[in-house]
Structure formats: structure tokens, C-alpha cells
Amino acid sequence: MKKAFLIIMLLNTLSIVACVPTANNQEIITEKTLAQDRRTREIILSDREIISDAYSDLNAEDAIKSQCHITINTYNGAVLITGEAPTEALKAKIIAIVQVVSNVKMVHDNLTISRPSSLESRASDKSITQTVKTALKQIRTLPDFDPAMIKVVTENGIVYLLGLVHRDEGSVVINVTKLQPNIKQIITVFEYLD
């Protein structure tokens, strides 16, 4: 366990270039991706473009780039912002920048006012995310449910669940997630289809 943790820490250290990452929206959208996602190809591309544009705009601001840890996730035009900003002024600036990115329908602000999280905390978050994703793959009670329809994001032990779901799917996903260890809180950013 300790060896695995050290490997994760090393990989995290090597992958950090700046506090605000860049995004690559050029990934190929495969037929498998489309089959597993309730969004259209156009919406998937739009979501990727939102992320790319948001990171590009945030990286243009030196204070944000050097002092903040920000994660942007988008699902169907709804943007989830997580991470840390050291001041209320920087937090407000981050939100203002993201709100004006093209095709953003709504911004869910979950930034905290604090120093950027530690590598250990981020490694723990990645582990929690993986645990939740693995648990969602075990759901057998929902017909036509594909766990790939659910985006799982973890920040400081808080699990965010995003996706286009039916209410019964959302309930099962939340209940399965609640059973996983080391989770401080669960926040849903679901868009319900019924």
C-alpha cells in the first residue's frame, strides 16, 4: 500500500506543470463513447471546448495560474469548478472568467478559500474517484445503466457526481457512492431526464 501511494505521489509530481492545467479537447469521440454517453457528439465537443477555453482564459491570469489549484469539469454545458483560491477576490475572478466562456449554461462554484491542496490530498482524491467508479460498475439493478454515463470528480474528499440521469438511476448511484470509504460529502450535479 505504501509503495502504491509513493508511486501515485511520484506520478502526480511529474504531471504538475502549473496550478491550472491545460485541457485537450481533441480526443477522438468513438462510437463506444457515444453509446455510453447520453450527450450528443456536438454537446460532448462543446463541453470539451468549454474546458479548454476556460483553462486557457484562467492560465492567462498570472495570479490565478501561480496561486490557485483549479479543476474544471463540464457536463451538458454545466460547469463544475472545484479547487482552492487563496482569496475571495481571486475566487470571484475565476468564477467571472468561467461564466463568460462560450456555451456555458450554468456554473457550480465549489471553490474553497484556502491554499492549494497537497499532493497527498490529490492522490487520496484520485483513489476515492477510482473506488467510486469501480463500485458503480457493480450496479446490476438498473436496466440499460452504464456507469460511464456518470462523471465522478473528487476534491478534498468531497465526491461530485455529474451526468444526465433518470431519478431512479441517480438514487442508486448516490446510495452506492455513500457506501464507499473516506468520502466526506457527496454533491450531485445531475441533470434529471424525468
N, C-alpha and C. Protein backbone atom coordinates (compact mmCIF):
# COMPACT_ATOMS: atom_id res chain seq x y z
N MET A 1 0.83 -1.19 0.00
CA MET A 1 0.00 0.00 0.00
C MET A 1 0.87 1.25 0.00
N LYS A 2 1.90 1.24 0.86
CA LYS A 2 2.78 2.40 0.94
C LYS A 2 3.51 2.61 -0.38
N LYS A 3 3.93 1.50 -1.01
CA LYS A 3 4.63 1.58 -2.29
C LYS A 3 3.71 2.17 -3.36
N ALA A 4 2.46 1.70 -3.39
CA ALA A 4 1.50 2.22 -4.37
C ALA A 4 1.26 3.71 -4.16
N PHE A 5 1.16 4.12 -2.89
CA PHE A 5 0.95 5.53 -2.58
C PHE A 5 2.13 6.37 -3.07
N LEU A 6 3.35 5.88 -2.86
CA LEU A 6 4.54 6.60 -3.31
C LEU A 6 4.58 6.71 -4.83
N ILE A 7 4.15 5.66 -5.52
CA ILE A 7 4.12 5.71 -6.98
C ILE A 7 3.11 6.76 -7.44
N ILE A 8 1.93 6.78 -6.82
CA ILE A 8 0.92 7.79 -7.16
C ILE A 8 1.47 9.19 -6.92
N MET A 9 2.14 9.37 -5.79
CA MET A 9 2.71 10.68 -5.47
C MET A 9 3.73 11.09 -6.53
N LEU A 10 4.58 10.15 -6.96
CA LEU A 10 5.60 10.45 -7.96
C LEU A 10 4.93 10.84 -9.28
N LEU A 11 3.93 10.08 -9.69
CA LEU A 11 3.23 10.39 -10.93
C LEU A 11 2.55 11.75 -10.87
N ASN A 12 1.95 12.06 -9.73
CA ASN A 12 1.32 13.37 -9.56
C ASN A 12 2.35 14.48 -9.65
N THR A 13 3.50 14.28 -9.03
CA THR A 13 4.56 15.28 -9.05
C THR A 13 5.03 15.52 -10.48
N LEU A 14 5.20 14.45 -11.24
CA LEU A 14 5.68 14.58 -12.61
C LEU A 14 4.65 15.23 -13.53
N SER A 15 3.37 15.09 -13.19
CA SER A 15 2.33 15.62 -14.07
C SER A 15 1.99 17.08 -13.81
N ILE A 16 2.49 17.64 -12.73
CA ILE A 16 2.14 19.02 -12.40
C ILE A 16 3.04 19.98 -13.16
N VAL A 17 2.42 20.79 -13.99
CA VAL A 17 3.16 21.80 -14.73
C VAL A 17 2.84 23.17 -14.16
N ALA A 18 1.59 23.40 -13.87
CA ALA A 18 1.13 24.66 -13.28
C ALA A 18 -0.08 24.36 -12.43
N CYS A 19 -0.51 25.35 -11.67
CA CYS A 19 -1.66 25.14 -10.79
C CYS A 19 -2.95 25.00 -11.57
N VAL A 20 -2.99 25.57 -12.76
CA VAL A 20 -4.17 25.45 -13.60
C VAL A 20 -3.76 24.63 -14.82
N PRO A 21 -4.30 23.42 -14.97
CA PRO A 21 -3.88 22.57 -16.08
C PRO A 21 -4.43 23.06 -17.40
N THR A 22 -3.93 22.46 -18.45
CA THR A 22 -4.48 22.72 -19.77
C THR A 22 -5.36 21.54 -20.13
N ALA A 23 -6.21 21.73 -21.09
CA ALA A 23 -7.11 20.65 -21.50
C ALA A 23 -6.93 20.38 -22.97
N ASN A 24 -7.10 19.12 -23.34
CA ASN A 24 -7.02 18.73 -24.73
C ASN A 24 -8.39 18.28 -25.19
N ASN A 25 -9.03 19.11 -25.99
CA ASN A 25 -10.37 18.74 -26.45
C ASN A 25 -10.33 18.03 -27.79
N GLN A 26 -9.16 17.59 -28.21
CA GLN A 26 -9.01 16.95 -29.50
C GLN A 26 -9.13 15.43 -29.43
N GLU A 27 -9.47 14.90 -28.26
CA GLU A 27 -9.64 13.46 -28.14
C GLU A 27 -10.71 13.00 -29.13
N ILE A 28 -10.51 11.84 -29.68
CA ILE A 28 -11.45 11.30 -30.63
C ILE A 28 -12.70 10.81 -29.90
N ILE A 29 -13.84 11.15 -30.45
CA ILE A 29 -15.09 10.65 -29.89
C ILE A 29 -15.44 9.39 -30.65
N THR A 30 -15.31 8.26 -29.98
CA THR A 30 -15.57 6.98 -30.61
C THR A 30 -17.05 6.62 -30.53
N GLU A 31 -17.43 5.62 -31.29
CA GLU A 31 -18.81 5.13 -31.22
C GLU A 31 -19.10 4.58 -29.83
N LYS A 32 -18.09 3.99 -29.20
CA LYS A 32 -18.26 3.47 -27.83
C LYS A 32 -18.57 4.63 -26.88
N THR A 33 -17.84 5.74 -27.04
CA THR A 33 -18.09 6.91 -26.20
C THR A 33 -19.52 7.39 -26.38
N LEU A 34 -19.97 7.47 -27.62
CA LEU A 34 -21.34 7.93 -27.89
C LEU A 34 -22.38 6.96 -27.33
N ALA A 35 -22.09 5.67 -27.40
CA ALA A 35 -23.03 4.67 -26.88
C ALA A 35 -23.14 4.75 -25.36
N GLN A 36 -22.06 5.17 -24.70
CA GLN A 36 -22.03 5.23 -23.24
C GLN A 36 -22.46 6.59 -22.69
N ASP A 37 -22.72 7.53 -23.55
CA ASP A 37 -22.99 8.90 -23.11
C ASP A 37 -24.33 9.34 -23.65
N ARG A 38 -25.11 10.00 -22.86
CA ARG A 38 -26.42 10.47 -23.30
C ARG A 38 -26.33 11.82 -24.00
N ARG A 39 -25.17 12.42 -24.01
CA ARG A 39 -24.98 13.68 -24.73
C ARG A 39 -24.74 13.37 -26.21
N THR A 40 -25.06 14.32 -27.05
CA THR A 40 -24.77 14.17 -28.48
C THR A 40 -23.29 14.45 -28.72
N ARG A 41 -22.83 14.06 -29.88
CA ARG A 41 -21.44 14.33 -30.27
C ARG A 41 -21.15 15.83 -30.17
N GLU A 42 -22.09 16.65 -30.61
CA GLU A 42 -21.90 18.10 -30.59
C GLU A 42 -21.77 18.63 -29.16
N ILE A 43 -22.59 18.11 -28.26
CA ILE A 43 -22.53 18.56 -26.86
C ILE A 43 -21.22 18.09 -26.22
N ILE A 44 -20.81 16.87 -26.51
CA ILE A 44 -19.53 16.38 -25.97
C ILE A 44 -18.40 17.29 -26.43
N LEU A 45 -18.39 17.62 -27.72
CA LEU A 45 -17.35 18.52 -28.24
C LEU A 45 -17.45 19.90 -27.61
N SER A 46 -18.66 20.40 -27.45
CA SER A 46 -18.86 21.70 -26.82
C SER A 46 -18.35 21.69 -25.38
N ASP A 47 -18.65 20.62 -24.63
CA ASP A 47 -18.16 20.51 -23.25
C ASP A 47 -16.63 20.52 -23.21
N ARG A 48 -16.02 19.80 -24.14
CA ARG A 48 -14.55 19.77 -24.18
C ARG A 48 -13.99 21.15 -24.52
N GLU A 49 -14.67 21.85 -25.42
CA GLU A 49 -14.23 23.19 -25.80
C GLU A 49 -14.37 24.17 -24.63
N ILE A 50 -15.45 24.02 -23.87
CA ILE A 50 -15.65 24.86 -22.68
C ILE A 50 -14.47 24.68 -21.73
N ILE A 51 -14.10 23.44 -21.47
CA ILE A 51 -12.99 23.16 -20.56
C ILE A 51 -11.70 23.76 -21.09
N SER A 52 -11.43 23.53 -22.37
CA SER A 52 -10.21 24.05 -22.98
C SER A 52 -10.16 25.58 -22.92
N ASP A 53 -11.27 26.23 -23.28
CA ASP A 53 -11.32 27.69 -23.26
C ASP A 53 -11.20 28.24 -21.84
N ALA A 54 -11.86 27.58 -20.89
CA ALA A 54 -11.79 28.04 -19.50
C ALA A 54 -10.36 27.97 -18.98
N TYR A 55 -9.69 26.84 -19.20
CA TYR A 55 -8.30 26.72 -18.74
C TYR A 55 -7.40 27.73 -19.45
N SER A 56 -7.63 27.94 -20.73
CA SER A 56 -6.83 28.91 -21.48
C SER A 56 -7.00 30.31 -20.90
N ASP A 57 -8.24 30.70 -20.64
CA ASP A 57 -8.50 32.03 -20.07
C ASP A 57 -7.94 32.16 -18.66
N LEU A 58 -8.06 31.11 -17.86
CA LEU A 58 -7.53 31.14 -16.48
C LEU A 58 -6.00 31.19 -16.48
N ASN A 59 -5.39 30.44 -17.39
CA ASN A 59 -3.92 30.43 -17.48
C ASN A 59 -3.36 31.77 -17.92
N ALA A 60 -4.18 32.60 -18.55
CA ALA A 60 -3.73 33.92 -18.99
C ALA A 60 -3.59 34.88 -17.81
N GLU A 61 -4.13 34.51 -16.67
CA GLU A 61 -4.06 35.34 -15.46
C GLU A 61 -2.96 34.82 -14.54
N ASP A 62 -1.85 35.56 -14.44
CA ASP A 62 -0.69 35.10 -13.67
C ASP A 62 -1.02 34.78 -12.22
N ALA A 63 -1.81 35.61 -11.55
CA ALA A 63 -2.12 35.38 -10.14
C ALA A 63 -2.90 34.08 -9.96
N ILE A 64 -3.82 33.82 -10.86
CA ILE A 64 -4.60 32.58 -10.79
C ILE A 64 -3.69 31.39 -11.07
N LYS A 65 -2.90 31.52 -12.11
CA LYS A 65 -2.01 30.42 -12.51
C LYS A 65 -1.02 30.06 -11.42
N SER A 66 -0.51 31.05 -10.72
CA SER A 66 0.56 30.78 -9.74
C SER A 66 0.06 30.51 -8.32
N GLN A 67 -1.15 30.93 -7.99
CA GLN A 67 -1.60 30.83 -6.59
C GLN A 67 -2.77 29.89 -6.35
N CYS A 68 -3.38 29.39 -7.42
CA CYS A 68 -4.61 28.61 -7.26
C CYS A 68 -4.46 27.19 -7.78
N HIS A 69 -5.30 26.32 -7.28
CA HIS A 69 -5.46 24.97 -7.82
C HIS A 69 -6.92 24.88 -8.25
N ILE A 70 -7.13 24.74 -9.55
CA ILE A 70 -8.48 24.77 -10.09
C ILE A 70 -8.71 23.54 -10.96
N THR A 71 -9.88 22.95 -10.81
CA THR A 71 -10.29 21.86 -11.68
C THR A 71 -11.63 22.24 -12.29
N ILE A 72 -11.69 22.12 -13.62
CA ILE A 72 -12.91 22.44 -14.35
C ILE A 72 -13.47 21.15 -14.94
N ASN A 73 -14.73 20.88 -14.69
CA ASN A 73 -15.42 19.76 -15.31
C ASN A 73 -16.71 20.29 -15.90
N THR A 74 -17.10 19.76 -17.04
CA THR A 74 -18.31 20.22 -17.70
C THR A 74 -19.13 19.03 -18.15
N TYR A 75 -20.43 19.15 -17.97
CA TYR A 75 -21.33 18.10 -18.44
C TYR A 75 -22.60 18.78 -18.94
N ASN A 76 -22.82 18.68 -20.25
CA ASN A 76 -24.01 19.26 -20.87
C ASN A 76 -24.10 20.78 -20.67
N GLY A 77 -22.96 21.44 -20.71
CA GLY A 77 -22.92 22.89 -20.57
C GLY A 77 -22.88 23.41 -19.15
N ALA A 78 -23.08 22.52 -18.18
CA ALA A 78 -22.99 22.92 -16.76
C ALA A 78 -21.54 22.72 -16.31
N VAL A 79 -20.96 23.77 -15.77
CA VAL A 79 -19.55 23.74 -15.36
C VAL A 79 -19.45 23.58 -13.85
N LEU A 80 -18.63 22.63 -13.44
CA LEU A 80 -18.31 22.43 -12.03
C LEU A 80 -16.89 22.92 -11.81
N ILE A 81 -16.72 23.91 -10.94
CA ILE A 81 -15.39 24.42 -10.60
C ILE A 81 -15.07 23.98 -9.19
N THR A 82 -13.98 23.25 -9.05
CA THR A 82 -13.52 22.83 -7.73
C THR A 82 -12.06 23.25 -7.57
N GLY A 83 -11.59 23.20 -6.34
CA GLY A 83 -10.20 23.55 -6.07
C GLY A 83 -10.11 24.62 -5.00
N GLU A 84 -8.98 25.31 -5.01
CA GLU A 84 -8.71 26.28 -3.96
C GLU A 84 -8.16 27.58 -4.55
N ALA A 85 -8.60 28.68 -3.98
CA ALA A 85 -8.07 30.01 -4.28
C ALA A 85 -7.75 30.66 -2.94
N PRO A 86 -6.62 31.38 -2.84
CA PRO A 86 -6.22 31.92 -1.54
C PRO A 86 -7.03 33.11 -1.05
N THR A 87 -7.75 33.79 -1.96
CA THR A 87 -8.52 34.97 -1.54
C THR A 87 -9.90 34.96 -2.20
N GLU A 88 -10.81 35.67 -1.58
CA GLU A 88 -12.15 35.82 -2.14
C GLU A 88 -12.09 36.55 -3.48
N ALA A 89 -11.17 37.51 -3.61
CA ALA A 89 -11.04 38.26 -4.86
C ALA A 89 -10.63 37.35 -6.02
N LEU A 90 -9.66 36.46 -5.77
CA LEU A 90 -9.24 35.53 -6.83
C LEU A 90 -10.36 34.55 -7.16
N LYS A 91 -11.06 34.09 -6.15
CA LYS A 91 -12.18 33.18 -6.38
C LYS A 91 -13.23 33.85 -7.27
N ALA A 92 -13.57 35.09 -6.95
CA ALA A 92 -14.56 35.83 -7.74
C ALA A 92 -14.08 36.02 -9.18
N LYS A 93 -12.80 36.27 -9.34
CA LYS A 93 -12.23 36.46 -10.68
C LYS A 93 -12.32 35.16 -11.48
N ILE A 94 -12.03 34.03 -10.84
CA ILE A 94 -12.12 32.73 -11.50
C ILE A 94 -13.54 32.47 -11.98
N ILE A 95 -14.50 32.69 -11.10
CA ILE A 95 -15.91 32.46 -11.45
C ILE A 95 -16.32 33.38 -12.60
N ALA A 96 -15.93 34.64 -12.52
CA ALA A 96 -16.29 35.61 -13.57
C ALA A 96 -15.71 35.20 -14.92
N ILE A 97 -14.48 34.71 -14.92
CA ILE A 97 -13.83 34.29 -16.17
C ILE A 97 -14.58 33.10 -16.78
N VAL A 98 -14.91 32.12 -15.96
CA VAL A 98 -15.56 30.91 -16.47
C VAL A 98 -16.99 31.19 -16.92
N GLN A 99 -17.69 32.07 -16.23
CA GLN A 99 -19.09 32.36 -16.58
C GLN A 99 -19.25 32.91 -17.99
N VAL A 100 -18.23 33.59 -18.51
CA VAL A 100 -18.37 34.20 -19.84
C VAL A 100 -17.80 33.34 -20.97
N VAL A 101 -17.34 32.14 -20.64
CA VAL A 101 -16.86 31.22 -21.68
C VAL A 101 -18.06 30.81 -22.53
N SER A 102 -17.86 30.75 -23.83
CA SER A 102 -18.92 30.39 -24.76
C SER A 102 -19.58 29.05 -24.41
N ASN A 103 -20.89 29.00 -24.53
CA ASN A 103 -21.71 27.79 -24.35
C ASN A 103 -21.87 27.33 -22.90
N VAL A 104 -21.40 28.12 -21.93
CA VAL A 104 -21.60 27.77 -20.52
C VAL A 104 -23.05 28.11 -20.16
N LYS A 105 -23.79 27.10 -19.70
CA LYS A 105 -25.19 27.31 -19.30
C LYS A 105 -25.29 27.71 -17.84
N MET A 106 -24.43 27.12 -17.01
CA MET A 106 -24.51 27.32 -15.57
C MET A 106 -23.16 26.98 -14.96
N VAL A 107 -22.82 27.68 -13.86
CA VAL A 107 -21.57 27.41 -13.15
C VAL A 107 -21.89 26.98 -11.73
N HIS A 108 -21.36 25.83 -11.35
CA HIS A 108 -21.46 25.34 -9.97
C HIS A 108 -20.13 25.68 -9.30
N ASP A 109 -20.15 26.64 -8.41
CA ASP A 109 -18.94 27.12 -7.75
C ASP A 109 -18.70 26.32 -6.47
N ASN A 110 -17.69 25.48 -6.50
CA ASN A 110 -17.30 24.73 -5.31
C ASN A 110 -15.84 24.97 -4.97
N LEU A 111 -15.36 26.17 -5.29
CA LEU A 111 -14.01 26.58 -4.89
C LEU A 111 -14.01 26.90 -3.41
N THR A 112 -12.92 26.59 -2.75
CA THR A 112 -12.77 26.97 -1.35
C THR A 112 -11.69 28.03 -1.23
N ILE A 113 -11.78 28.83 -0.19
CA ILE A 113 -10.76 29.85 0.07
C ILE A 113 -9.71 29.19 0.96
N SER A 114 -8.61 28.83 0.35
CA SER A 114 -7.50 28.21 1.09
C SER A 114 -6.31 28.07 0.16
N ARG A 115 -5.21 27.61 0.74
CA ARG A 115 -4.03 27.33 -0.08
C ARG A 115 -4.32 26.12 -0.96
N PRO A 116 -3.58 25.97 -2.06
CA PRO A 116 -3.78 24.79 -2.90
C PRO A 116 -3.59 23.49 -2.11
N SER A 117 -4.40 22.51 -2.42
CA SER A 117 -4.34 21.22 -1.72
C SER A 117 -2.99 20.55 -1.95
N SER A 118 -2.64 19.68 -1.02
CA SER A 118 -1.36 18.98 -1.09
C SER A 118 -1.42 17.84 -2.11
N LEU A 119 -0.25 17.38 -2.52
CA LEU A 119 -0.19 16.24 -3.42
C LEU A 119 -0.79 15.00 -2.76
N GLU A 120 -0.61 14.87 -1.47
CA GLU A 120 -1.18 13.74 -0.74
C GLU A 120 -2.71 13.77 -0.81
N SER A 121 -3.28 14.95 -0.63
CA SER A 121 -4.73 15.10 -0.71
C SER A 121 -5.23 14.77 -2.11
N ARG A 122 -4.53 15.23 -3.12
CA ARG A 122 -4.94 14.96 -4.51
C ARG A 122 -4.83 13.48 -4.84
N ALA A 123 -3.79 12.82 -4.31
CA ALA A 123 -3.65 11.37 -4.52
C ALA A 123 -4.80 10.63 -3.85
N SER A 124 -5.17 11.06 -2.67
CA SER A 124 -6.31 10.46 -1.97
C SER A 124 -7.59 10.66 -2.76
N ASP A 125 -7.77 11.86 -3.31
CA ASP A 125 -8.96 12.14 -4.13
C ASP A 125 -9.02 11.22 -5.35
N LYS A 126 -7.89 11.01 -6.00
CA LYS A 126 -7.85 10.11 -7.17
C LYS A 126 -8.24 8.70 -6.77
N SER A 127 -7.77 8.28 -5.61
CA SER A 127 -8.10 6.95 -5.11
C SER A 127 -9.60 6.82 -4.83
N ILE A 128 -10.17 7.84 -4.20
CA ILE A 128 -11.62 7.83 -3.92
C ILE A 128 -12.40 7.77 -5.23
N THR A 129 -12.01 8.58 -6.20
CA THR A 129 -12.69 8.59 -7.50
C THR A 129 -12.67 7.20 -8.12
N GLN A 130 -11.51 6.56 -8.10
CA GLN A 130 -11.38 5.23 -8.68
C GLN A 130 -12.25 4.21 -7.94
N THR A 131 -12.28 4.32 -6.62
CA THR A 131 -13.11 3.42 -5.81
C THR A 131 -14.59 3.57 -6.17
N VAL A 132 -15.04 4.82 -6.31
CA VAL A 132 -16.44 5.07 -6.66
C VAL A 132 -16.74 4.53 -8.06
N LYS A 133 -15.86 4.80 -9.02
CA LYS A 133 -16.08 4.31 -10.39
C LYS A 133 -16.17 2.79 -10.42
N THR A 134 -15.30 2.14 -9.67
CA THR A 134 -15.32 0.68 -9.60
C THR A 134 -16.62 0.19 -8.99
N ALA A 135 -17.09 0.84 -7.95
CA ALA A 135 -18.35 0.46 -7.31
C ALA A 135 -19.53 0.64 -8.26
N LEU A 136 -19.51 1.72 -9.05
CA LEU A 136 -20.61 1.97 -9.99
C LEU A 136 -20.68 0.89 -11.06
N LYS A 137 -19.55 0.29 -11.39
CA LYS A 137 -19.53 -0.79 -12.38
C LYS A 137 -20.23 -2.04 -11.88
N GLN A 138 -20.44 -2.12 -10.58
CA GLN A 138 -21.09 -3.30 -9.99
C GLN A 138 -22.62 -3.17 -9.94
N ILE A 139 -23.15 -2.03 -10.34
CA ILE A 139 -24.60 -1.85 -10.32
C ILE A 139 -25.24 -2.76 -11.36
N ARG A 140 -26.14 -3.63 -10.89
CA ARG A 140 -26.82 -4.57 -11.79
C ARG A 140 -28.34 -4.42 -11.73
N THR A 141 -28.82 -3.53 -10.88
CA THR A 141 -30.26 -3.41 -10.66
C THR A 141 -30.96 -2.46 -11.62
N LEU A 142 -30.20 -1.74 -12.42
CA LEU A 142 -30.80 -0.77 -13.34
C LEU A 142 -30.65 -1.24 -14.78
N PRO A 143 -31.77 -1.42 -15.49
CA PRO A 143 -31.66 -1.82 -16.89
C PRO A 143 -31.05 -0.68 -17.72
N ASP A 144 -30.20 -1.03 -18.63
CA ASP A 144 -29.58 -0.06 -19.54
C ASP A 144 -28.68 0.97 -18.85
N PHE A 145 -28.30 0.71 -17.60
CA PHE A 145 -27.41 1.65 -16.92
C PHE A 145 -25.97 1.35 -17.30
N ASP A 146 -25.25 2.38 -17.67
CA ASP A 146 -23.83 2.27 -17.97
C ASP A 146 -23.11 3.25 -17.05
N PRO A 147 -22.20 2.75 -16.20
CA PRO A 147 -21.52 3.65 -15.26
C PRO A 147 -20.70 4.73 -15.95
N ALA A 148 -20.38 4.53 -17.22
CA ALA A 148 -19.63 5.56 -17.96
C ALA A 148 -20.47 6.82 -18.17
N MET A 149 -21.79 6.73 -17.92
CA MET A 149 -22.66 7.90 -18.04
C MET A 149 -22.48 8.86 -16.87
N ILE A 150 -21.81 8.39 -15.82
CA ILE A 150 -21.62 9.19 -14.62
C ILE A 150 -20.19 9.69 -14.56
N LYS A 151 -20.03 10.98 -14.44
CA LYS A 151 -18.70 11.57 -14.26
C LYS A 151 -18.50 11.73 -12.76
N VAL A 152 -17.39 11.19 -12.27
CA VAL A 152 -17.07 11.25 -10.84
C VAL A 152 -15.86 12.14 -10.66
N VAL A 153 -15.99 13.15 -9.81
CA VAL A 153 -14.91 14.09 -9.51
C VAL A 153 -14.78 14.14 -7.99
N THR A 154 -13.55 14.08 -7.49
CA THR A 154 -13.34 14.19 -6.05
C THR A 154 -12.36 15.31 -5.77
N GLU A 155 -12.71 16.15 -4.82
CA GLU A 155 -11.84 17.27 -4.41
C GLU A 155 -11.93 17.38 -2.90
N ASN A 156 -10.79 17.24 -2.24
CA ASN A 156 -10.72 17.33 -0.77
C ASN A 156 -11.70 16.37 -0.08
N GLY A 157 -11.84 15.17 -0.63
CA GLY A 157 -12.70 14.16 -0.03
C GLY A 157 -14.17 14.32 -0.34
N ILE A 158 -14.53 15.36 -1.07
CA ILE A 158 -15.93 15.58 -1.47
C ILE A 158 -16.11 15.00 -2.87
N VAL A 159 -17.09 14.12 -3.02
CA VAL A 159 -17.35 13.48 -4.31
C VAL A 159 -18.48 14.22 -5.01
N TYR A 160 -18.22 14.60 -6.25
CA TYR A 160 -19.21 15.26 -7.10
C TYR A 160 -19.62 14.26 -8.17
N LEU A 161 -20.92 14.12 -8.38
CA LEU A 161 -21.45 13.20 -9.38
C LEU A 161 -22.17 14.02 -10.44
N LEU A 162 -21.76 13.86 -11.69
CA LEU A 162 -22.34 14.60 -12.80
C LEU A 162 -22.92 13.63 -13.81
N GLY A 163 -23.95 14.05 -14.53
CA GLY A 163 -24.47 13.22 -15.60
C GLY A 163 -25.92 13.52 -15.90
N LEU A 164 -26.37 12.99 -17.03
CA LEU A 164 -27.77 13.04 -17.43
C LEU A 164 -28.38 11.72 -17.00
N VAL A 165 -29.22 11.75 -15.97
CA VAL A 165 -29.74 10.50 -15.41
C VAL A 165 -31.24 10.58 -15.15
N HIS A 166 -31.83 9.40 -15.05
CA HIS A 166 -33.20 9.30 -14.56
C HIS A 166 -33.12 9.30 -13.04
N ARG A 167 -34.18 9.69 -12.38
CA ARG A 167 -34.16 9.81 -10.91
C ARG A 167 -33.83 8.49 -10.22
N ASP A 168 -34.34 7.37 -10.74
CA ASP A 168 -34.02 6.09 -10.10
C ASP A 168 -32.53 5.77 -10.24
N GLU A 169 -31.94 6.12 -11.38
CA GLU A 169 -30.50 5.91 -11.56
C GLU A 169 -29.72 6.78 -10.59
N GLY A 170 -30.11 8.04 -10.49
CA GLY A 170 -29.44 8.96 -9.58
C GLY A 170 -29.47 8.46 -8.15
N SER A 171 -30.62 7.96 -7.72
CA SER A 171 -30.76 7.45 -6.35
C SER A 171 -29.84 6.26 -6.10
N VAL A 172 -29.81 5.32 -7.04
CA VAL A 172 -28.94 4.15 -6.88
C VAL A 172 -27.48 4.58 -6.87
N VAL A 173 -27.09 5.46 -7.77
CA VAL A 173 -25.70 5.93 -7.82
C VAL A 173 -25.31 6.60 -6.51
N ILE A 174 -26.17 7.43 -5.98
CA ILE A 174 -25.88 8.11 -4.70
C ILE A 174 -25.74 7.08 -3.58
N ASN A 175 -26.66 6.12 -3.53
CA ASN A 175 -26.61 5.11 -2.47
C ASN A 175 -25.37 4.24 -2.56
N VAL A 176 -24.96 3.87 -3.76
CA VAL A 176 -23.73 3.08 -3.92
C VAL A 176 -22.52 3.92 -3.52
N THR A 177 -22.51 5.18 -3.90
CA THR A 177 -21.40 6.06 -3.56
C THR A 177 -21.28 6.25 -2.05
N LYS A 178 -22.41 6.37 -1.37
CA LYS A 178 -22.40 6.55 0.09
C LYS A 178 -21.70 5.42 0.83
N LEU A 179 -21.70 4.25 0.24
CA LEU A 179 -21.10 3.07 0.89
C LEU A 179 -19.57 3.03 0.79
N GLN A 180 -19.00 3.92 0.00
CA GLN A 180 -17.55 3.88 -0.22
C GLN A 180 -16.82 4.62 0.91
N PRO A 181 -15.60 4.17 1.23
CA PRO A 181 -14.86 4.75 2.35
C PRO A 181 -14.22 6.11 2.02
N ASN A 182 -13.92 6.85 3.07
CA ASN A 182 -13.14 8.09 3.02
C ASN A 182 -13.83 9.26 2.34
N ILE A 183 -15.12 9.18 2.13
CA ILE A 183 -15.86 10.27 1.50
C ILE A 183 -16.41 11.19 2.58
N LYS A 184 -16.09 12.48 2.48
CA LYS A 184 -16.59 13.46 3.44
C LYS A 184 -18.02 13.88 3.13
N GLN A 185 -18.31 14.00 1.83
CA GLN A 185 -19.62 14.52 1.41
C GLN A 185 -19.84 14.12 -0.04
N ILE A 186 -21.10 14.03 -0.44
CA ILE A 186 -21.46 13.77 -1.83
C ILE A 186 -22.32 14.93 -2.32
N ILE A 187 -21.93 15.49 -3.46
CA ILE A 187 -22.70 16.58 -4.07
C ILE A 187 -23.08 16.13 -5.48
N THR A 188 -24.38 16.16 -5.77
CA THR A 188 -24.82 15.76 -7.10
C THR A 188 -25.00 16.99 -7.98
N VAL A 189 -24.55 16.85 -9.20
CA VAL A 189 -24.72 17.88 -10.21
C VAL A 189 -25.43 17.21 -11.39
N PHE A 190 -26.41 16.37 -11.05
CA PHE A 190 -27.15 15.64 -12.07
C PHE A 190 -28.13 16.55 -12.79
N GLU A 191 -28.34 16.24 -14.05
CA GLU A 191 -29.44 16.83 -14.81
C GLU A 191 -30.42 15.67 -15.01
N TYR A 192 -31.61 15.80 -14.45
CA TYR A 192 -32.56 14.69 -14.49
C TYR A 192 -33.37 14.68 -15.79
N LEU A 193 -33.55 13.50 -16.33
CA LEU A 193 -34.27 13.32 -17.58
C LEU A 193 -35.76 13.09 -17.37
N ASP A 194 -36.17 12.88 -16.11
CA ASP A 194 -37.59 12.67 -15.83
C ASP A 194 -38.05 13.49 -14.64
